[in-house]
Each structure stands twice: as C-alpha cells, then as structure tokens.
C-alpha cells in the first residue's frame, strides 16, 4: 500500500467514488465502490511513479496526512 494520502469521495455527477492523490499532480482514479476506488488509485500511483521515473521527473516524498489551515 502506498504512503501517499488519498482523498476518496462520492461524485454524484460521475455516480462513482473518486480517489485523488493531492501530492501527485493529476493522480486520480474512480470506482463503483470505495474499496474499488482505493484499489484503482493504488495502481495509478504505481504507474504515475513509473512514468515520472521514465521521464526523469522528480517524485515527491509522501508527507502523510495533509493539514489545512
């Protein structure tokens, strides 16, 4: 399991759960269930990191839970 924070919420417009990873720009997935969205975003995180490595782009270190003021 990834150490990146994933925010999962229900999207009424999409009729699906959406999982977003704020620390990895554009990294998101969806699923019919909460568990499916989480599993899908784990796959997308691995692919995001692999692509960043291939392109020589920096990969942010996981910060854990984000805090907003």
Protein backbone atom coordinates (compact mmCIF):
# COMPACT_ATOMS: atom_id res chain seq x y z
CA UNK A 1 0.00 0.00 0.00
CA UNK A 2 1.16 3.48 -0.85
CA UNK A 3 2.17 6.01 1.78
CA UNK A 4 0.60 8.86 -0.18
CA UNK A 5 -2.60 10.39 1.12
CA UNK A 6 -5.66 9.55 -0.98
CA UNK A 7 -8.86 11.54 -0.64
CA UNK A 8 -11.89 9.44 -1.54
CA UNK A 9 -15.36 10.88 -2.02
CA UNK A 10 -18.63 10.12 -3.78
CA UNK A 11 -19.25 12.04 -7.00
CA UNK A 12 -22.93 12.46 -7.72
CA UNK A 13 -22.12 13.70 -11.24
CA UNK A 14 -19.99 10.63 -12.05
CA UNK A 15 -22.04 8.19 -9.95
CA UNK A 16 -18.75 6.77 -8.67
CA UNK A 17 -16.27 7.09 -5.86
CA UNK A 18 -13.32 9.31 -6.80
CA UNK A 19 -9.87 8.88 -5.26
CA UNK A 20 -7.42 11.77 -5.62
CA UNK A 21 -3.77 11.93 -4.54
CA UNK A 22 -3.01 15.61 -3.84
CA UNK A 23 0.77 15.13 -3.66
CA UNK A 24 0.95 13.65 -7.19
CA UNK A 25 -0.40 16.13 -9.73
CA UNK A 26 -3.22 14.66 -11.81
CA UNK A 27 -3.15 11.33 -9.97
CA UNK A 28 -6.74 10.12 -9.53
CA UNK A 29 -8.94 7.10 -10.11
CA UNK A 30 -12.55 6.08 -9.68
CA UNK A 31 -14.55 3.01 -8.75
CA UNK A 32 -18.07 1.76 -8.20
CA UNK A 33 -17.24 1.18 -4.52
CA UNK A 34 -14.95 2.86 -2.01
CA UNK A 35 -12.71 -0.22 -1.98
CA UNK A 36 -12.55 -0.33 -5.79
CA UNK A 37 -11.59 3.36 -5.99
CA UNK A 38 -8.83 2.76 -3.41
CA UNK A 39 -7.50 -0.30 -5.28
CA UNK A 40 -7.60 1.59 -8.57
CA UNK A 41 -5.76 4.61 -7.19
CA UNK A 42 -3.02 2.34 -5.79
CA UNK A 43 -2.47 1.09 -9.35
CA UNK A 44 -2.48 4.63 -10.72
CA UNK A 45 0.05 5.74 -8.06
CA UNK A 46 2.46 2.99 -9.15
CA UNK A 47 2.01 3.96 -12.81
CA UNK A 48 2.41 7.69 -12.00
CA UNK A 49 5.71 6.99 -10.23
CA UNK A 50 6.96 4.68 -13.01
CA UNK A 51 6.16 7.30 -15.65
CA UNK A 52 7.86 10.06 -13.64
CA UNK A 53 10.99 7.89 -13.33
CA UNK A 54 11.00 7.16 -17.09
CA UNK A 55 10.73 10.88 -17.85
CA UNK A 56 13.34 11.88 -15.26
CA UNK A 57 10.84 13.95 -13.30
CA UNK A 58 11.00 14.43 -9.53
CA UNK A 59 8.86 12.21 -7.35
CA UNK A 60 7.56 13.89 -4.20
CA UNK A 61 8.20 12.12 -0.90
CA UNK A 62 4.97 11.05 0.81
CA UNK A 63 4.08 13.56 3.52
CA UNK A 64 1.25 11.60 5.08
CA UNK A 65 -1.87 13.39 6.13
CA UNK A 66 -2.14 16.93 4.81
CA UNK A 67 -3.24 19.66 7.19
CA UNK A 68 -5.20 22.66 6.01
CA UNK A 69 -5.43 25.92 7.92
